[in-house]
All heavy atoms as atom14 arrays in JSON, in Angstrom:
{
  "sequence": "YYDAAARMMAGEPFKRQAAIAKLHASTIAVDNAREATQIHGGYGFMN",
  "atom14_mask": [
    [1, 1, 1, 1, 1, 1, 1, 1, 1, 1, 1, 1, 0, 0],
    [1, 1, 1, 1, 1, 1, 1, 1, 1, 1, 1, 1, 0, 0],
    [1, 1, 1, 1, 1, 1, 1, 1, 0, 0, 0, 0, 0, 0],
    [1, 1, 1, 1, 1, 0, 0, 0, 0, 0, 0, 0, 0, 0],
    [1, 1, 1, 1, 1, 0, 0, 0, 0, 0, 0, 0, 0, 0],
    [1, 1, 1, 1, 1, 0, 0, 0, 0, 0, 0, 0, 0, 0],
    [1, 1, 1, 1, 1, 1, 1, 1, 1, 1, 1, 0, 0, 0],
    [1, 1, 1, 1, 1, 1, 1, 1, 0, 0, 0, 0, 0, 0],
    [1, 1, 1, 1, 1, 1, 1, 1, 0, 0, 0, 0, 0, 0],
    [1, 1, 1, 1, 1, 0, 0, 0, 0, 0, 0, 0, 0, 0],
    [1, 1, 1, 1, 0, 0, 0, 0, 0, 0, 0, 0, 0, 0],
    [1, 1, 1, 1, 1, 1, 1, 1, 1, 0, 0, 0, 0, 0],
    [1, 1, 1, 1, 1, 1, 1, 0, 0, 0, 0, 0, 0, 0],
    [1, 1, 1, 1, 1, 1, 1, 1, 1, 1, 1, 0, 0, 0],
    [1, 1, 1, 1, 1, 1, 1, 1, 1, 0, 0, 0, 0, 0],
    [1, 1, 1, 1, 1, 1, 1, 1, 1, 1, 1, 0, 0, 0],
    [1, 1, 1, 1, 1, 1, 1, 1, 1, 0, 0, 0, 0, 0],
    [1, 1, 1, 1, 1, 0, 0, 0, 0, 0, 0, 0, 0, 0],
    [1, 1, 1, 1, 1, 0, 0, 0, 0, 0, 0, 0, 0, 0],
    [1, 1, 1, 1, 1, 1, 1, 1, 0, 0, 0, 0, 0, 0],
    [1, 1, 1, 1, 1, 0, 0, 0, 0, 0, 0, 0, 0, 0],
    [1, 1, 1, 1, 1, 1, 1, 1, 1, 0, 0, 0, 0, 0],
    [1, 1, 1, 1, 1, 1, 1, 1, 0, 0, 0, 0, 0, 0],
    [1, 1, 1, 1, 1, 1, 1, 1, 1, 1, 0, 0, 0, 0],
    [1, 1, 1, 1, 1, 0, 0, 0, 0, 0, 0, 0, 0, 0],
    [1, 1, 1, 1, 1, 1, 0, 0, 0, 0, 0, 0, 0, 0],
    [1, 1, 1, 1, 1, 1, 1, 0, 0, 0, 0, 0, 0, 0],
    [1, 1, 1, 1, 1, 1, 1, 1, 0, 0, 0, 0, 0, 0],
    [1, 1, 1, 1, 1, 0, 0, 0, 0, 0, 0, 0, 0, 0],
    [1, 1, 1, 1, 1, 1, 1, 0, 0, 0, 0, 0, 0, 0],
    [1, 1, 1, 1, 1, 1, 1, 1, 0, 0, 0, 0, 0, 0],
    [1, 1, 1, 1, 1, 1, 1, 1, 0, 0, 0, 0, 0, 0],
    [1, 1, 1, 1, 1, 0, 0, 0, 0, 0, 0, 0, 0, 0],
    [1, 1, 1, 1, 1, 1, 1, 1, 1, 1, 1, 0, 0, 0],
    [1, 1, 1, 1, 1, 1, 1, 1, 1, 0, 0, 0, 0, 0],
    [1, 1, 1, 1, 1, 0, 0, 0, 0, 0, 0, 0, 0, 0],
    [1, 1, 1, 1, 1, 1, 1, 0, 0, 0, 0, 0, 0, 0],
    [1, 1, 1, 1, 1, 1, 1, 1, 1, 0, 0, 0, 0, 0],
    [1, 1, 1, 1, 1, 1, 1, 1, 0, 0, 0, 0, 0, 0],
    [1, 1, 1, 1, 1, 1, 1, 1, 1, 1, 0, 0, 0, 0],
    [1, 1, 1, 1, 0, 0, 0, 0, 0, 0, 0, 0, 0, 0],
    [1, 1, 1, 1, 0, 0, 0, 0, 0, 0, 0, 0, 0, 0],
    [1, 1, 1, 1, 1, 1, 1, 1, 1, 1, 1, 1, 0, 0],
    [1, 1, 1, 1, 0, 0, 0, 0, 0, 0, 0, 0, 0, 0],
    [1, 1, 1, 1, 1, 1, 1, 1, 1, 1, 1, 0, 0, 0],
    [1, 1, 1, 1, 1, 1, 1, 1, 0, 0, 0, 0, 0, 0],
    [1, 1, 1, 1, 1, 1, 1, 1, 0, 0, 0, 0, 0, 0]
  ],
  "atom14_positions": [
    [[116.71, 95.28, 106.7], [115.61, 94.5, 106.1], [116.13, 93.35, 105.26], [115.48, 92.29, 105.17], [114.63, 95.42, 105.35], [114.78, 95.6, 103.87], [114.54, 94.56, 102.96], [115.11, 96.86, 103.33], [114.66, 94.75, 101.59], [115.21, 97.05, 101.96], [114.99, 96.0, 101.09], [115.1, 96.18, 99.73], [0.0, 0.0, 0.0], [0.0, 0.0, 0.0]],
    [[117.31, 93.49, 104.66], [117.92, 92.36, 103.96], [118.11, 91.19, 104.94], [117.83, 90.04, 104.63], [119.28, 92.76, 103.4], [119.29, 93.44, 102.04], [118.18, 94.16, 101.58], [120.41, 93.39, 101.23], [118.21, 94.79, 100.35], [120.44, 94.02, 99.99], [119.35, 94.72, 99.56], [119.37, 95.36, 98.33], [0.0, 0.0, 0.0], [0.0, 0.0, 0.0]],
    [[118.61, 91.5, 106.14], [118.87, 90.47, 107.14], [117.57, 89.8, 107.59], [117.48, 88.57, 107.67], [119.58, 91.1, 108.35], [119.75, 90.11, 109.5], [120.39, 89.06, 109.29], [119.25, 90.4, 110.61], [0.0, 0.0, 0.0], [0.0, 0.0, 0.0], [0.0, 0.0, 0.0], [0.0, 0.0, 0.0], [0.0, 0.0, 0.0], [0.0, 0.0, 0.0]],
    [[116.55, 90.59, 107.86], [115.27, 90.03, 108.3], [114.66, 89.14, 107.22], [114.14, 88.06, 107.51], [114.32, 91.15, 108.68], [0.0, 0.0, 0.0], [0.0, 0.0, 0.0], [0.0, 0.0, 0.0], [0.0, 0.0, 0.0], [0.0, 0.0, 0.0], [0.0, 0.0, 0.0], [0.0, 0.0, 0.0], [0.0, 0.0, 0.0], [0.0, 0.0, 0.0]],
    [[114.72, 89.6, 105.97], [114.16, 88.82, 104.87], [114.93, 87.51, 104.69], [114.31, 86.46, 104.44], [114.2, 89.64, 103.58], [0.0, 0.0, 0.0], [0.0, 0.0, 0.0], [0.0, 0.0, 0.0], [0.0, 0.0, 0.0], [0.0, 0.0, 0.0], [0.0, 0.0, 0.0], [0.0, 0.0, 0.0], [0.0, 0.0, 0.0], [0.0, 0.0, 0.0]],
    [[116.24, 87.56, 104.82], [117.05, 86.35, 104.66], [116.7, 85.32, 105.73], [116.6, 84.12, 105.45], [118.53, 86.7, 104.72], [0.0, 0.0, 0.0], [0.0, 0.0, 0.0], [0.0, 0.0, 0.0], [0.0, 0.0, 0.0], [0.0, 0.0, 0.0], [0.0, 0.0, 0.0], [0.0, 0.0, 0.0], [0.0, 0.0, 0.0], [0.0, 0.0, 0.0]],
    [[116.53, 85.77, 106.96], [116.16, 84.86, 108.05], [114.79, 84.25, 107.82], [114.57, 83.06, 108.04], [116.2, 85.6, 109.38], [117.59, 86.0, 109.84], [117.54, 86.89, 111.06], [118.86, 87.38, 111.44], [119.69, 86.75, 112.27], [119.31, 85.59, 112.81], [120.88, 87.25, 112.54], [0.0, 0.0, 0.0], [0.0, 0.0, 0.0], [0.0, 0.0, 0.0]],
    [[113.84, 85.07, 107.38], [112.5, 84.58, 107.13], [112.49, 83.5, 106.05], [111.89, 82.43, 106.21], [111.61, 85.74, 106.72], [110.19, 85.35, 106.37], [109.3, 86.69, 105.56], [108.65, 85.82, 104.14], [0.0, 0.0, 0.0], [0.0, 0.0, 0.0], [0.0, 0.0, 0.0], [0.0, 0.0, 0.0], [0.0, 0.0, 0.0], [0.0, 0.0, 0.0]],
    [[113.19, 83.77, 104.95], [113.18, 82.82, 103.83], [113.97, 81.55, 104.15], [113.74, 80.51, 103.55], [113.73, 83.5, 102.58], [112.82, 84.6, 102.07], [113.35, 85.29, 100.48], [114.96, 85.95, 100.92], [0.0, 0.0, 0.0], [0.0, 0.0, 0.0], [0.0, 0.0, 0.0], [0.0, 0.0, 0.0], [0.0, 0.0, 0.0], [0.0, 0.0, 0.0]],
    [[114.89, 81.64, 105.13], [115.64, 80.46, 105.54], [114.88, 79.64, 106.58], [115.37, 78.59, 107.02], [116.99, 80.88, 106.12], [0.0, 0.0, 0.0], [0.0, 0.0, 0.0], [0.0, 0.0, 0.0], [0.0, 0.0, 0.0], [0.0, 0.0, 0.0], [0.0, 0.0, 0.0], [0.0, 0.0, 0.0], [0.0, 0.0, 0.0], [0.0, 0.0, 0.0]],
    [[113.69, 80.1, 106.96], [112.91, 79.38, 107.94], [113.39, 79.57, 109.37], [113.03, 78.79, 110.26], [0.0, 0.0, 0.0], [0.0, 0.0, 0.0], [0.0, 0.0, 0.0], [0.0, 0.0, 0.0], [0.0, 0.0, 0.0], [0.0, 0.0, 0.0], [0.0, 0.0, 0.0], [0.0, 0.0, 0.0], [0.0, 0.0, 0.0], [0.0, 0.0, 0.0]],
    [[114.19, 80.6, 109.6], [114.71, 80.87, 110.93], [113.81, 81.88, 111.65], [113.02, 82.59, 111.01], [116.13, 81.46, 110.83], [117.13, 80.56, 110.14], [118.47, 81.24, 109.92], [118.6, 82.42, 110.32], [119.36, 80.62, 109.33], [0.0, 0.0, 0.0], [0.0, 0.0, 0.0], [0.0, 0.0, 0.0], [0.0, 0.0, 0.0], [0.0, 0.0, 0.0]],
    [[113.9, 81.97, 112.99], [113.14, 83.01, 113.7], [113.53, 84.39, 113.18], [114.71, 84.68, 112.98], [113.58, 82.81, 115.16], [114.0, 81.38, 115.24], [114.65, 81.09, 113.91], [0.0, 0.0, 0.0], [0.0, 0.0, 0.0], [0.0, 0.0, 0.0], [0.0, 0.0, 0.0], [0.0, 0.0, 0.0], [0.0, 0.0, 0.0], [0.0, 0.0, 0.0]],
    [[112.53, 85.25, 112.96], [112.83, 86.55, 112.39], [112.01, 87.68, 113.01], [112.09, 88.82, 112.58], [112.6, 86.52, 110.87], [111.16, 86.36, 110.46], [110.37, 87.47, 110.17], [110.59, 85.1, 110.37], [109.04, 87.32, 109.8], [109.25, 84.94, 110.0], [108.48, 86.06, 109.71], [0.0, 0.0, 0.0], [0.0, 0.0, 0.0], [0.0, 0.0, 0.0]],
    [[111.2, 87.37, 114.0], [110.32, 88.37, 114.6], [111.09, 89.6, 115.07], [110.72, 90.74, 114.77], [109.55, 87.76, 115.77], [108.61, 88.76, 116.48], [107.95, 88.13, 117.68], [106.93, 87.11, 117.29], [105.72, 87.75, 116.69], [0.0, 0.0, 0.0], [0.0, 0.0, 0.0], [0.0, 0.0, 0.0], [0.0, 0.0, 0.0], [0.0, 0.0, 0.0]],
    [[112.18, 89.38, 115.83], [112.95, 90.5, 116.35], [113.59, 91.3, 115.23], [113.56, 92.53, 115.21], [114.03, 90.03, 117.32], [114.78, 91.17, 118.01], [116.14, 90.71, 118.53], [116.09, 89.43, 119.2], [117.17, 88.7, 119.52], [118.38, 89.15, 119.21], [117.06, 87.54, 120.12], [0.0, 0.0, 0.0], [0.0, 0.0, 0.0], [0.0, 0.0, 0.0]],
    [[114.17, 90.59, 114.25], [114.85, 91.26, 113.15], [113.86, 92.06, 112.29], [114.18, 93.14, 111.8], [115.6, 90.25, 112.3], [116.86, 89.69, 112.95], [116.56, 88.69, 114.06], [115.47, 88.1, 114.12], [117.54, 88.47, 114.94], [0.0, 0.0, 0.0], [0.0, 0.0, 0.0], [0.0, 0.0, 0.0], [0.0, 0.0, 0.0], [0.0, 0.0, 0.0]],
    [[112.64, 91.53, 112.13], [111.62, 92.27, 111.39], [111.24, 93.55, 112.13], [111.07, 94.61, 111.51], [110.39, 91.4, 111.16], [0.0, 0.0, 0.0], [0.0, 0.0, 0.0], [0.0, 0.0, 0.0], [0.0, 0.0, 0.0], [0.0, 0.0, 0.0], [0.0, 0.0, 0.0], [0.0, 0.0, 0.0], [0.0, 0.0, 0.0], [0.0, 0.0, 0.0]],
    [[111.1, 93.45, 113.44], [110.76, 94.64, 114.24], [111.88, 95.67, 114.2], [111.64, 96.87, 114.1], [110.47, 94.23, 115.68], [0.0, 0.0, 0.0], [0.0, 0.0, 0.0], [0.0, 0.0, 0.0], [0.0, 0.0, 0.0], [0.0, 0.0, 0.0], [0.0, 0.0, 0.0], [0.0, 0.0, 0.0], [0.0, 0.0, 0.0], [0.0, 0.0, 0.0]],
    [[113.13, 95.19, 114.27], [114.28, 96.1, 114.19], [114.3, 96.82, 112.84], [114.48, 98.04, 112.76], [115.6, 95.33, 114.4], [115.74, 94.89, 115.86], [116.81, 96.18, 113.99], [116.9, 93.95, 116.11], [0.0, 0.0, 0.0], [0.0, 0.0, 0.0], [0.0, 0.0, 0.0], [0.0, 0.0, 0.0], [0.0, 0.0, 0.0], [0.0, 0.0, 0.0]],
    [[114.1, 96.06, 111.79], [114.12, 96.64, 110.44], [113.01, 97.68, 110.27], [113.24, 98.77, 109.75], [113.98, 95.54, 109.4], [0.0, 0.0, 0.0], [0.0, 0.0, 0.0], [0.0, 0.0, 0.0], [0.0, 0.0, 0.0], [0.0, 0.0, 0.0], [0.0, 0.0, 0.0], [0.0, 0.0, 0.0], [0.0, 0.0, 0.0], [0.0, 0.0, 0.0]],
    [[111.81, 97.34, 110.72], [110.69, 98.26, 110.58], [110.89, 99.51, 111.43], [110.64, 100.63, 110.97], [109.4, 97.53, 110.97], [108.12, 98.17, 110.42], [107.58, 99.24, 111.33], [106.25, 99.79, 110.8], [105.7, 100.86, 111.65], [0.0, 0.0, 0.0], [0.0, 0.0, 0.0], [0.0, 0.0, 0.0], [0.0, 0.0, 0.0], [0.0, 0.0, 0.0]],
    [[111.34, 99.33, 112.65], [111.56, 100.47, 113.55], [112.63, 101.4, 112.99], [112.44, 102.62, 112.9], [111.97, 99.96, 114.93], [112.39, 101.01, 115.96], [111.27, 102.0, 116.22], [112.84, 100.32, 117.25], [0.0, 0.0, 0.0], [0.0, 0.0, 0.0], [0.0, 0.0, 0.0], [0.0, 0.0, 0.0], [0.0, 0.0, 0.0], [0.0, 0.0, 0.0]],
    [[113.76, 100.83, 112.61], [114.87, 101.65, 112.14], [114.54, 102.33, 110.81], [114.78, 103.53, 110.63], [116.13, 100.8, 112.0], [117.35, 101.55, 111.57], [117.77, 102.71, 112.18], [118.23, 101.32, 110.54], [118.86, 103.16, 111.58], [119.15, 102.34, 110.58], [0.0, 0.0, 0.0], [0.0, 0.0, 0.0], [0.0, 0.0, 0.0], [0.0, 0.0, 0.0]],
    [[113.98, 101.56, 109.88], [113.7, 102.11, 108.55], [112.66, 103.22, 108.6], [112.78, 104.24, 107.92], [113.25, 101.0, 107.61], [0.0, 0.0, 0.0], [0.0, 0.0, 0.0], [0.0, 0.0, 0.0], [0.0, 0.0, 0.0], [0.0, 0.0, 0.0], [0.0, 0.0, 0.0], [0.0, 0.0, 0.0], [0.0, 0.0, 0.0], [0.0, 0.0, 0.0]],
    [[111.62, 103.05, 109.41], [110.6, 104.08, 109.49], [111.14, 105.34, 110.15], [110.8, 106.47, 109.75], [109.38, 103.57, 110.26], [109.71, 103.19, 111.59], [0.0, 0.0, 0.0], [0.0, 0.0, 0.0], [0.0, 0.0, 0.0], [0.0, 0.0, 0.0], [0.0, 0.0, 0.0], [0.0, 0.0, 0.0], [0.0, 0.0, 0.0], [0.0, 0.0, 0.0]],
    [[112.02, 105.17, 111.14], [112.62, 106.33, 111.81], [113.49, 107.13, 110.86], [113.4, 108.37, 110.78], [113.46, 105.88, 113.02], [112.62, 105.19, 113.95], [114.1, 107.07, 113.72], [0.0, 0.0, 0.0], [0.0, 0.0, 0.0], [0.0, 0.0, 0.0], [0.0, 0.0, 0.0], [0.0, 0.0, 0.0], [0.0, 0.0, 0.0], [0.0, 0.0, 0.0]],
    [[114.32, 106.44, 110.1], [115.23, 107.17, 109.2], [114.5, 107.73, 107.99], [114.95, 108.71, 107.38], [116.45, 106.3, 108.79], [116.03, 105.1, 107.93], [117.23, 105.88, 110.01], [116.16, 105.31, 106.45], [0.0, 0.0, 0.0], [0.0, 0.0, 0.0], [0.0, 0.0, 0.0], [0.0, 0.0, 0.0], [0.0, 0.0, 0.0], [0.0, 0.0, 0.0]],
    [[113.36, 107.12, 107.63], [112.55, 107.69, 106.55], [112.02, 109.06, 106.94], [112.05, 110.01, 106.15], [111.4, 106.75, 106.2], [0.0, 0.0, 0.0], [0.0, 0.0, 0.0], [0.0, 0.0, 0.0], [0.0, 0.0, 0.0], [0.0, 0.0, 0.0], [0.0, 0.0, 0.0], [0.0, 0.0, 0.0], [0.0, 0.0, 0.0], [0.0, 0.0, 0.0]],
    [[111.53, 109.17, 108.18], [111.07, 110.46, 108.67], [112.23, 111.45, 108.74], [112.11, 112.62, 108.35], [110.41, 110.3, 110.06], [110.08, 111.66, 110.67], [109.13, 109.47, 109.94], [0.0, 0.0, 0.0], [0.0, 0.0, 0.0], [0.0, 0.0, 0.0], [0.0, 0.0, 0.0], [0.0, 0.0, 0.0], [0.0, 0.0, 0.0], [0.0, 0.0, 0.0]],
    [[113.38, 110.99, 109.23], [114.57, 111.85, 109.31], [114.97, 112.37, 107.93], [115.23, 113.57, 107.75], [115.74, 111.08, 109.91], [115.56, 110.78, 111.39], [114.67, 111.39, 112.02], [116.31, 109.93, 111.92], [0.0, 0.0, 0.0], [0.0, 0.0, 0.0], [0.0, 0.0, 0.0], [0.0, 0.0, 0.0], [0.0, 0.0, 0.0], [0.0, 0.0, 0.0]],
    [[115.05, 111.46, 106.96], [115.5, 111.86, 105.63], [114.49, 112.78, 104.94], [114.89, 113.7, 104.21], [115.75, 110.62, 104.76], [117.12, 110.02, 105.01], [117.76, 110.32, 106.01], [117.56, 109.14, 104.13], [0.0, 0.0, 0.0], [0.0, 0.0, 0.0], [0.0, 0.0, 0.0], [0.0, 0.0, 0.0], [0.0, 0.0, 0.0], [0.0, 0.0, 0.0]],
    [[113.2, 112.54, 105.18], [112.19, 113.41, 104.58], [112.32, 114.83, 105.15], [112.18, 115.82, 104.41], [110.8, 112.85, 104.84], [0.0, 0.0, 0.0], [0.0, 0.0, 0.0], [0.0, 0.0, 0.0], [0.0, 0.0, 0.0], [0.0, 0.0, 0.0], [0.0, 0.0, 0.0], [0.0, 0.0, 0.0], [0.0, 0.0, 0.0], [0.0, 0.0, 0.0]],
    [[112.58, 114.92, 106.43], [112.74, 116.23, 107.05], [113.97, 116.95, 106.49], [113.93, 118.13, 106.15], [112.85, 116.08, 108.56], [112.96, 117.41, 109.32], [113.1, 117.21, 110.81], [114.29, 116.46, 111.15], [114.28, 115.21, 111.61], [113.14, 114.57, 111.8], [115.41, 114.58, 111.9], [0.0, 0.0, 0.0], [0.0, 0.0, 0.0], [0.0, 0.0, 0.0]],
    [[115.08, 116.24, 106.38], [116.31, 116.85, 105.89], [116.21, 117.21, 104.41], [116.73, 118.25, 103.97], [117.5, 115.91, 106.13], [117.85, 115.68, 107.6], [118.46, 116.93, 108.25], [118.29, 118.05, 107.74], [119.11, 116.76, 109.29], [0.0, 0.0, 0.0], [0.0, 0.0, 0.0], [0.0, 0.0, 0.0], [0.0, 0.0, 0.0], [0.0, 0.0, 0.0]],
    [[115.55, 116.36, 103.63], [115.39, 116.67, 102.2], [114.56, 117.93, 102.01], [114.85, 118.77, 101.15], [114.73, 115.49, 101.48], [0.0, 0.0, 0.0], [0.0, 0.0, 0.0], [0.0, 0.0, 0.0], [0.0, 0.0, 0.0], [0.0, 0.0, 0.0], [0.0, 0.0, 0.0], [0.0, 0.0, 0.0], [0.0, 0.0, 0.0], [0.0, 0.0, 0.0]],
    [[113.53, 118.05, 102.83], [112.71, 119.27, 102.78], [113.53, 120.5, 103.15], [113.43, 121.56, 102.53], [111.5, 119.13, 103.73], [110.73, 117.99, 103.35], [110.62, 120.37, 103.67], [0.0, 0.0, 0.0], [0.0, 0.0, 0.0], [0.0, 0.0, 0.0], [0.0, 0.0, 0.0], [0.0, 0.0, 0.0], [0.0, 0.0, 0.0], [0.0, 0.0, 0.0]],
    [[114.38, 120.35, 104.16], [115.23, 121.45, 104.59], [116.22, 121.85, 103.49], [116.44, 123.05, 103.24], [115.99, 121.07, 105.86], [116.7, 122.22, 106.55], [115.73, 123.17, 107.23], [114.58, 122.82, 107.45], [116.18, 124.37, 107.54], [0.0, 0.0, 0.0], [0.0, 0.0, 0.0], [0.0, 0.0, 0.0], [0.0, 0.0, 0.0], [0.0, 0.0, 0.0]],
    [[116.78, 120.88, 102.82], [117.72, 121.17, 101.74], [117.02, 121.93, 100.61], [117.6, 122.84, 100.01], [118.35, 119.86, 101.21], [119.32, 119.28, 102.26], [119.05, 120.07, 99.87], [119.8, 117.89, 101.95], [0.0, 0.0, 0.0], [0.0, 0.0, 0.0], [0.0, 0.0, 0.0], [0.0, 0.0, 0.0], [0.0, 0.0, 0.0], [0.0, 0.0, 0.0]],
    [[115.79, 121.59, 100.35], [115.04, 122.26, 99.29], [114.54, 123.64, 99.72], [114.06, 124.41, 98.87], [113.84, 121.4, 98.87], [114.17, 120.29, 97.94], [114.94, 119.2, 98.31], [113.85, 120.08, 96.63], [115.05, 118.37, 97.29], [114.42, 118.88, 96.25], [0.0, 0.0, 0.0], [0.0, 0.0, 0.0], [0.0, 0.0, 0.0], [0.0, 0.0, 0.0]],
    [[114.63, 123.95, 101.0], [114.19, 125.26, 101.46], [112.7, 125.48, 101.2], [111.88, 124.58, 101.38], [0.0, 0.0, 0.0], [0.0, 0.0, 0.0], [0.0, 0.0, 0.0], [0.0, 0.0, 0.0], [0.0, 0.0, 0.0], [0.0, 0.0, 0.0], [0.0, 0.0, 0.0], [0.0, 0.0, 0.0], [0.0, 0.0, 0.0], [0.0, 0.0, 0.0]],
    [[112.35, 126.68, 100.77], [110.95, 127.0, 100.5], [110.33, 126.1, 99.46], [109.13, 125.79, 99.53], [0.0, 0.0, 0.0], [0.0, 0.0, 0.0], [0.0, 0.0, 0.0], [0.0, 0.0, 0.0], [0.0, 0.0, 0.0], [0.0, 0.0, 0.0], [0.0, 0.0, 0.0], [0.0, 0.0, 0.0], [0.0, 0.0, 0.0], [0.0, 0.0, 0.0]],
    [[111.13, 125.64, 98.49], [110.59, 124.76, 97.46], [110.21, 123.39, 98.03], [109.36, 122.7, 97.48], [111.6, 124.6, 96.32], [111.77, 125.86, 95.5], [112.93, 126.62, 95.6], [110.75, 126.3, 94.66], [113.09, 127.78, 94.86], [110.9, 127.47, 93.91], [112.07, 128.2, 94.03], [112.2, 129.36, 93.3], [0.0, 0.0, 0.0], [0.0, 0.0, 0.0]],
    [[110.82, 123.0, 99.12], [110.47, 121.74, 99.76], [109.08, 121.74, 100.35], [108.52, 120.68, 100.65], [0.0, 0.0, 0.0], [0.0, 0.0, 0.0], [0.0, 0.0, 0.0], [0.0, 0.0, 0.0], [0.0, 0.0, 0.0], [0.0, 0.0, 0.0], [0.0, 0.0, 0.0], [0.0, 0.0, 0.0], [0.0, 0.0, 0.0], [0.0, 0.0, 0.0]],
    [[108.52, 122.94, 100.5], [107.17, 123.07, 101.05], [106.13, 123.16, 99.93], [104.93, 123.28, 100.19], [107.1, 124.33, 101.93], [106.03, 124.28, 102.99], [106.07, 123.32, 103.99], [105.0, 125.2, 102.99], [105.09, 123.27, 104.97], [104.01, 125.16, 103.97], [104.06, 124.2, 104.96], [0.0, 0.0, 0.0], [0.0, 0.0, 0.0], [0.0, 0.0, 0.0]],
    [[106.6, 123.1, 98.69], [105.72, 123.18, 97.53], [105.45, 121.78, 96.99], [106.39, 121.01, 96.78], [106.35, 124.04, 96.43], [106.66, 125.48, 96.86], [105.18, 126.42, 97.3], [105.45, 126.68, 99.07], [0.0, 0.0, 0.0], [0.0, 0.0, 0.0], [0.0, 0.0, 0.0], [0.0, 0.0, 0.0], [0.0, 0.0, 0.0], [0.0, 0.0, 0.0]],
    [[104.19, 121.47, 96.71], [103.83, 120.13, 96.28], [104.37, 119.76, 94.9], [104.32, 118.59, 94.52], [102.31, 119.96, 96.3], [101.77, 119.82, 97.71], [102.41, 119.22, 98.57], [100.59, 120.38, 97.95], [0.0, 0.0, 0.0], [0.0, 0.0, 0.0], [0.0, 0.0, 0.0], [0.0, 0.0, 0.0], [0.0, 0.0, 0.0], [0.0, 0.0, 0.0]]
  ]
}
């Protein structure tokens, strides 16, 4: 997302880089949330 933002602010084409950033970041957010819950065990299921 740093790369996509830099391209956008420089007035360069950024559509692909924005899509890459959004796709990758959202995927790893789901991954990390799942792993963090697993690390917490039963407590990870508690609000």
